[in-house]
Amino acid sequence: MGASDEPRRVHFQSPEYLVDRLDAIADLFDKDRTDLLVEAIREYIESTADSETYQELVATKYYDDQLEFETVKQMVGAESAQRLRLLKKDLEDEPLYLAAPDDTDIYDGEATTVETDNHR
């Protein structure tokens, strides 16, 4: 187990009926309440993280400097975070302005006109 995989004790309050249902389900499957909670949290995080809305929200908050890169990496994974960092860098760069084309005749005076048949 890596350091981030070490168990961490958390304390939270829940409505009693949810705890009672959780305990009943744990008894039914002969599992521990904690195991069911960890499994439920993992499934929720995975399904949420895969949603387009979540991905867009993370990107928007990162581009607006509301999230740090390391936090984004935890939220969407290293590969997606790196992609967001590259896109953010591109967005921060000065725009590339190209001069308008001059009046050079790119066809060398030999442009061909094509007549189309408009009958349908």
N, C-alpha and C. Protein backbone atom coordinates (compact mmCIF):
# COMPACT_ATOMS: atom_id res chain seq x y z
N MET A 1 0.83 -1.18 0.00
CA MET A 1 0.00 0.00 0.00
C MET A 1 0.86 1.24 0.00
N GLY A 2 0.55 2.20 -0.89
CA GLY A 2 1.25 3.47 -0.90
C GLY A 2 0.73 4.36 0.21
N ALA A 3 1.41 5.46 0.43
CA ALA A 3 1.01 6.37 1.50
C ALA A 3 -0.43 6.85 1.32
N SER A 4 -0.85 7.07 0.09
CA SER A 4 -2.21 7.56 -0.14
C SER A 4 -3.26 6.46 0.02
N ASP A 5 -2.81 5.20 0.09
CA ASP A 5 -3.74 4.09 0.26
C ASP A 5 -3.92 3.70 1.73
N GLU A 6 -3.18 4.36 2.62
CA GLU A 6 -3.29 4.05 4.04
C GLU A 6 -4.68 4.43 4.53
N PRO A 7 -5.28 3.59 5.36
CA PRO A 7 -6.60 3.93 5.90
C PRO A 7 -6.54 5.21 6.72
N ARG A 8 -7.60 5.97 6.64
CA ARG A 8 -7.70 7.22 7.39
C ARG A 8 -9.05 7.23 8.09
N ARG A 9 -9.03 7.48 9.35
CA ARG A 9 -10.27 7.52 10.12
C ARG A 9 -10.99 8.83 9.82
N VAL A 10 -12.26 8.73 9.51
CA VAL A 10 -13.10 9.91 9.31
C VAL A 10 -14.33 9.77 10.19
N HIS A 11 -14.87 10.87 10.56
CA HIS A 11 -16.06 10.89 11.40
C HIS A 11 -17.08 11.80 10.73
N PHE A 12 -18.28 11.30 10.57
CA PHE A 12 -19.34 12.14 10.02
C PHE A 12 -20.67 11.71 10.60
N GLN A 13 -21.62 12.58 10.49
CA GLN A 13 -22.95 12.27 10.98
C GLN A 13 -23.85 11.93 9.81
N SER A 14 -24.74 11.00 10.06
CA SER A 14 -25.67 10.56 9.03
C SER A 14 -27.03 10.35 9.68
N PRO A 15 -28.09 10.51 8.90
CA PRO A 15 -29.41 10.19 9.46
C PRO A 15 -29.42 8.73 9.94
N GLU A 16 -30.06 8.51 11.05
CA GLU A 16 -30.07 7.18 11.67
C GLU A 16 -30.64 6.10 10.74
N TYR A 17 -31.66 6.45 9.98
CA TYR A 17 -32.27 5.44 9.10
C TYR A 17 -31.28 4.94 8.04
N LEU A 18 -30.37 5.82 7.59
CA LEU A 18 -29.37 5.38 6.61
C LEU A 18 -28.37 4.42 7.24
N VAL A 19 -27.97 4.72 8.46
CA VAL A 19 -27.04 3.83 9.16
C VAL A 19 -27.71 2.49 9.42
N ASP A 20 -28.98 2.50 9.80
CA ASP A 20 -29.72 1.25 10.03
C ASP A 20 -29.81 0.43 8.75
N ARG A 21 -30.10 1.08 7.64
CA ARG A 21 -30.17 0.36 6.35
C ARG A 21 -28.81 -0.18 5.95
N LEU A 22 -27.78 0.63 6.15
CA LEU A 22 -26.42 0.19 5.83
C LEU A 22 -26.04 -1.03 6.66
N ASP A 23 -26.35 -1.00 7.94
CA ASP A 23 -26.05 -2.14 8.80
C ASP A 23 -26.81 -3.39 8.36
N ALA A 24 -28.07 -3.21 7.96
CA ALA A 24 -28.87 -4.35 7.50
C ALA A 24 -28.26 -4.95 6.22
N ILE A 25 -27.83 -4.09 5.31
CA ILE A 25 -27.20 -4.56 4.07
C ILE A 25 -25.88 -5.25 4.38
N ALA A 26 -25.10 -4.69 5.29
CA ALA A 26 -23.83 -5.30 5.69
C ALA A 26 -24.07 -6.68 6.27
N ASP A 27 -25.08 -6.83 7.13
CA ASP A 27 -25.41 -8.14 7.70
C ASP A 27 -25.84 -9.10 6.61
N LEU A 28 -26.64 -8.62 5.68
CA LEU A 28 -27.15 -9.47 4.59
C LEU A 28 -26.01 -10.05 3.77
N PHE A 29 -25.01 -9.23 3.45
CA PHE A 29 -23.88 -9.67 2.64
C PHE A 29 -22.69 -10.14 3.47
N ASP A 30 -22.88 -10.19 4.78
CA ASP A 30 -21.81 -10.60 5.69
C ASP A 30 -20.55 -9.77 5.47
N LYS A 31 -20.76 -8.45 5.43
CA LYS A 31 -19.66 -7.50 5.24
C LYS A 31 -19.63 -6.52 6.39
N ASP A 32 -18.56 -5.80 6.46
CA ASP A 32 -18.39 -4.76 7.46
C ASP A 32 -18.98 -3.45 6.94
N ARG A 33 -19.55 -2.66 7.82
CA ARG A 33 -20.13 -1.36 7.44
C ARG A 33 -19.09 -0.49 6.74
N THR A 34 -17.89 -0.47 7.26
CA THR A 34 -16.83 0.36 6.68
C THR A 34 -16.54 -0.06 5.24
N ASP A 35 -16.49 -1.37 5.00
CA ASP A 35 -16.23 -1.85 3.64
C ASP A 35 -17.31 -1.37 2.67
N LEU A 36 -18.55 -1.40 3.11
CA LEU A 36 -19.64 -0.93 2.25
C LEU A 36 -19.55 0.57 2.01
N LEU A 37 -19.21 1.33 3.03
CA LEU A 37 -19.07 2.78 2.87
C LEU A 37 -17.94 3.12 1.90
N VAL A 38 -16.81 2.44 2.06
CA VAL A 38 -15.66 2.70 1.17
C VAL A 38 -16.03 2.33 -0.26
N GLU A 39 -16.72 1.21 -0.45
CA GLU A 39 -17.14 0.81 -1.79
C GLU A 39 -18.12 1.82 -2.40
N ALA A 40 -19.06 2.30 -1.60
CA ALA A 40 -20.03 3.28 -2.09
C ALA A 40 -19.34 4.59 -2.46
N ILE A 41 -18.41 5.03 -1.63
CA ILE A 41 -17.68 6.27 -1.92
C ILE A 41 -16.86 6.11 -3.20
N ARG A 42 -16.17 4.98 -3.34
CA ARG A 42 -15.36 4.74 -4.54
C ARG A 42 -16.23 4.75 -5.80
N GLU A 43 -17.37 4.08 -5.76
CA GLU A 43 -18.26 4.04 -6.92
C GLU A 43 -18.80 5.43 -7.25
N TYR A 44 -19.14 6.20 -6.23
CA TYR A 44 -19.64 7.55 -6.45
C TYR A 44 -18.57 8.42 -7.10
N ILE A 45 -17.38 8.35 -6.57
CA ILE A 45 -16.28 9.16 -7.11
C ILE A 45 -15.99 8.78 -8.56
N GLU A 46 -15.95 7.48 -8.86
CA GLU A 46 -15.67 7.04 -10.23
C GLU A 46 -16.77 7.48 -11.19
N SER A 47 -18.01 7.35 -10.80
CA SER A 47 -19.10 7.74 -11.71
C SER A 47 -19.15 9.26 -11.88
N THR A 48 -18.89 10.00 -10.81
CA THR A 48 -18.89 11.45 -10.90
C THR A 48 -17.73 11.95 -11.75
N ALA A 49 -16.55 11.39 -11.52
CA ALA A 49 -15.35 11.82 -12.24
C ALA A 49 -15.45 11.55 -13.73
N ASP A 50 -16.26 10.58 -14.13
CA ASP A 50 -16.42 10.27 -15.55
C ASP A 50 -17.43 11.19 -16.24
N SER A 51 -18.19 11.95 -15.48
CA SER A 51 -19.23 12.77 -16.09
C SER A 51 -18.62 13.99 -16.79
N GLU A 52 -19.24 14.36 -17.88
CA GLU A 52 -18.79 15.53 -18.66
C GLU A 52 -18.91 16.81 -17.84
N THR A 53 -19.97 16.92 -17.05
CA THR A 53 -20.19 18.10 -16.22
C THR A 53 -19.05 18.27 -15.23
N TYR A 54 -18.63 17.19 -14.61
CA TYR A 54 -17.54 17.23 -13.65
C TYR A 54 -16.25 17.66 -14.33
N GLN A 55 -15.94 17.05 -15.46
CA GLN A 55 -14.72 17.38 -16.20
C GLN A 55 -14.70 18.86 -16.58
N GLU A 56 -15.84 19.36 -17.06
CA GLU A 56 -15.93 20.77 -17.46
C GLU A 56 -15.77 21.70 -16.26
N LEU A 57 -16.35 21.33 -15.14
CA LEU A 57 -16.26 22.16 -13.93
C LEU A 57 -14.82 22.22 -13.42
N VAL A 58 -14.14 21.08 -13.41
CA VAL A 58 -12.74 21.06 -12.99
C VAL A 58 -11.91 21.94 -13.92
N ALA A 59 -12.10 21.79 -15.23
CA ALA A 59 -11.34 22.58 -16.20
C ALA A 59 -11.60 24.07 -16.00
N THR A 60 -12.85 24.46 -15.87
CA THR A 60 -13.20 25.87 -15.71
C THR A 60 -12.56 26.45 -14.46
N LYS A 61 -12.66 25.73 -13.35
CA LYS A 61 -12.09 26.24 -12.10
C LYS A 61 -10.56 26.29 -12.18
N TYR A 62 -9.95 25.36 -12.89
CA TYR A 62 -8.50 25.39 -13.06
C TYR A 62 -8.09 26.57 -13.93
N TYR A 63 -8.79 26.78 -15.04
CA TYR A 63 -8.47 27.90 -15.92
C TYR A 63 -8.67 29.24 -15.22
N ASP A 64 -9.63 29.29 -14.28
CA ASP A 64 -9.90 30.52 -13.54
C ASP A 64 -9.04 30.63 -12.27
N ASP A 65 -8.04 29.77 -12.15
CA ASP A 65 -7.11 29.76 -11.00
C ASP A 65 -7.81 29.52 -9.67
N GLN A 66 -8.90 28.78 -9.70
CA GLN A 66 -9.59 28.41 -8.46
C GLN A 66 -9.13 27.06 -7.94
N LEU A 67 -8.41 26.29 -8.77
CA LEU A 67 -7.85 25.00 -8.38
C LEU A 67 -6.38 24.96 -8.74
N GLU A 68 -5.57 24.39 -7.87
CA GLU A 68 -4.15 24.20 -8.14
C GLU A 68 -3.96 22.94 -8.99
N PHE A 69 -2.84 22.87 -9.70
CA PHE A 69 -2.56 21.74 -10.57
C PHE A 69 -2.59 20.41 -9.81
N GLU A 70 -1.98 20.37 -8.62
CA GLU A 70 -1.93 19.10 -7.86
C GLU A 70 -3.33 18.63 -7.48
N THR A 71 -4.21 19.56 -7.17
CA THR A 71 -5.60 19.21 -6.86
C THR A 71 -6.29 18.66 -8.09
N VAL A 72 -6.07 19.30 -9.23
CA VAL A 72 -6.66 18.84 -10.49
C VAL A 72 -6.17 17.44 -10.80
N LYS A 73 -4.90 17.19 -10.56
CA LYS A 73 -4.32 15.86 -10.82
C LYS A 73 -5.03 14.80 -9.98
N GLN A 74 -5.34 15.11 -8.73
CA GLN A 74 -6.08 14.18 -7.88
C GLN A 74 -7.49 13.97 -8.39
N MET A 75 -8.07 15.02 -8.92
CA MET A 75 -9.47 14.96 -9.32
C MET A 75 -9.71 14.27 -10.65
N VAL A 76 -8.81 14.46 -11.62
CA VAL A 76 -9.05 13.91 -12.95
C VAL A 76 -7.95 12.97 -13.44
N GLY A 77 -6.92 12.79 -12.65
CA GLY A 77 -5.82 11.92 -13.05
C GLY A 77 -4.70 12.72 -13.70
N ALA A 78 -3.51 12.13 -13.69
CA ALA A 78 -2.31 12.82 -14.16
C ALA A 78 -2.38 13.19 -15.64
N GLU A 79 -2.85 12.27 -16.46
CA GLU A 79 -2.88 12.52 -17.91
C GLU A 79 -3.83 13.65 -18.28
N SER A 80 -5.03 13.61 -17.75
CA SER A 80 -6.00 14.68 -18.04
C SER A 80 -5.53 16.01 -17.46
N ALA A 81 -4.93 15.97 -16.28
CA ALA A 81 -4.44 17.20 -15.65
C ALA A 81 -3.34 17.83 -16.50
N GLN A 82 -2.46 16.99 -17.04
CA GLN A 82 -1.38 17.51 -17.88
C GLN A 82 -1.96 18.15 -19.14
N ARG A 83 -2.97 17.54 -19.71
CA ARG A 83 -3.63 18.09 -20.90
C ARG A 83 -4.25 19.45 -20.58
N LEU A 84 -4.88 19.55 -19.41
CA LEU A 84 -5.47 20.83 -19.00
C LEU A 84 -4.39 21.88 -18.79
N ARG A 85 -3.24 21.46 -18.22
CA ARG A 85 -2.15 22.42 -18.00
C ARG A 85 -1.63 22.95 -19.33
N LEU A 86 -1.49 22.08 -20.32
CA LEU A 86 -1.02 22.51 -21.64
C LEU A 86 -2.03 23.45 -22.30
N LEU A 87 -3.31 23.11 -22.21
CA LEU A 87 -4.34 23.98 -22.79
C LEU A 87 -4.38 25.33 -22.08
N LYS A 88 -4.23 25.32 -20.76
CA LYS A 88 -4.23 26.58 -20.00
C LYS A 88 -3.05 27.45 -20.45
N LYS A 89 -1.90 26.84 -20.63
CA LYS A 89 -0.73 27.58 -21.08
C LYS A 89 -0.99 28.20 -22.44
N ASP A 90 -1.61 27.42 -23.34
CA ASP A 90 -1.95 27.96 -24.66
C ASP A 90 -2.91 29.15 -24.54
N LEU A 91 -3.87 29.05 -23.65
CA LEU A 91 -4.84 30.13 -23.48
C LEU A 91 -4.18 31.38 -22.90
N GLU A 92 -3.15 31.21 -22.10
CA GLU A 92 -2.47 32.35 -21.47
C GLU A 92 -1.49 33.04 -22.41
N ASP A 93 -1.05 32.32 -23.45
CA ASP A 93 -0.09 32.91 -24.39
C ASP A 93 -0.73 34.05 -25.17
N GLU A 94 0.12 34.93 -25.66
CA GLU A 94 -0.35 36.02 -26.50
C GLU A 94 -0.94 35.44 -27.78
N PRO A 95 -2.02 36.01 -28.26
CA PRO A 95 -2.60 35.51 -29.51
C PRO A 95 -1.63 35.72 -30.68
N LEU A 96 -1.71 34.83 -31.61
CA LEU A 96 -0.87 34.92 -32.80
C LEU A 96 -1.62 35.74 -33.84
N TYR A 97 -1.11 36.90 -34.12
CA TYR A 97 -1.75 37.76 -35.11
C TYR A 97 -0.98 37.64 -36.42
N LEU A 98 -1.70 37.31 -37.45
CA LEU A 98 -1.10 37.21 -38.78
C LEU A 98 -1.53 38.42 -39.60
N ALA A 99 -0.63 38.91 -40.38
CA ALA A 99 -0.96 40.04 -41.24
C ALA A 99 -2.00 39.62 -42.26
N ALA A 100 -2.83 40.54 -42.62
CA ALA A 100 -3.83 40.26 -43.65
C ALA A 100 -3.11 39.98 -44.96
N PRO A 101 -3.68 39.09 -45.77
CA PRO A 101 -3.02 38.79 -47.04
C PRO A 101 -2.96 40.03 -47.93
N ASP A 102 -1.89 40.13 -48.69
CA ASP A 102 -1.81 41.27 -49.61
C ASP A 102 -2.59 40.92 -50.88
N ASP A 103 -2.58 41.77 -51.82
CA ASP A 103 -3.38 41.58 -53.03
C ASP A 103 -2.64 40.77 -54.09
N THR A 104 -1.78 39.88 -53.70
CA THR A 104 -1.06 39.06 -54.66
C THR A 104 -2.04 38.11 -55.34
N ASP A 105 -1.90 38.00 -56.63
CA ASP A 105 -2.75 37.09 -57.40
C ASP A 105 -2.18 35.67 -57.27
N ILE A 106 -2.78 34.87 -56.38
CA ILE A 106 -2.24 33.54 -56.14
C ILE A 106 -2.49 32.58 -57.31
N TYR A 107 -3.39 32.95 -58.22
CA TYR A 107 -3.68 32.10 -59.38
C TYR A 107 -2.84 32.47 -60.59
N ASP A 108 -2.01 33.45 -60.47
CA ASP A 108 -1.16 33.88 -61.57
C ASP A 108 -2.00 34.26 -62.79
N GLY A 109 -3.19 34.81 -62.56
CA GLY A 109 -4.04 35.27 -63.65
C GLY A 109 -4.75 34.15 -64.39
N GLU A 110 -4.60 32.90 -63.96
CA GLU A 110 -5.17 31.77 -64.70
C GLU A 110 -6.27 31.07 -63.91
N ALA A 111 -7.09 31.80 -63.22
CA ALA A 111 -8.16 31.22 -62.47
C ALA A 111 -9.20 30.63 -63.43
N THR A 112 -9.77 29.49 -63.04
CA THR A 112 -10.77 28.83 -63.87
C THR A 112 -12.11 28.95 -63.18
N THR A 113 -13.13 29.29 -63.95
CA THR A 113 -14.47 29.37 -63.43
C THR A 113 -15.19 28.09 -63.79
N VAL A 114 -15.90 27.53 -62.85
CA VAL A 114 -16.63 26.30 -63.10
C VAL A 114 -18.09 26.63 -63.07
N GLU A 115 -18.78 26.20 -64.12
CA GLU A 115 -20.22 26.40 -64.18
C GLU A 115 -20.89 25.20 -63.53
N THR A 116 -21.85 25.47 -62.67
CA THR A 116 -22.55 24.38 -61.98
C THR A 116 -23.93 24.22 -62.59
N ASP A 117 -24.40 23.02 -62.54
CA ASP A 117 -25.73 22.70 -63.05
C ASP A 117 -26.69 22.86 -61.89
N ASN A 118 -27.55 23.87 -61.93
CA ASN A 118 -28.48 24.16 -60.85
C ASN A 118 -29.80 23.45 -61.00
N HIS A 119 -29.91 22.46 -61.90
CA HIS A 119 -31.16 21.73 -62.11
C HIS A 119 -31.26 20.61 -61.09
N ARG A 120 -32.39 20.53 -60.44
CA ARG A 120 -32.58 19.46 -59.45
C ARG A 120 -33.85 18.75 -59.68
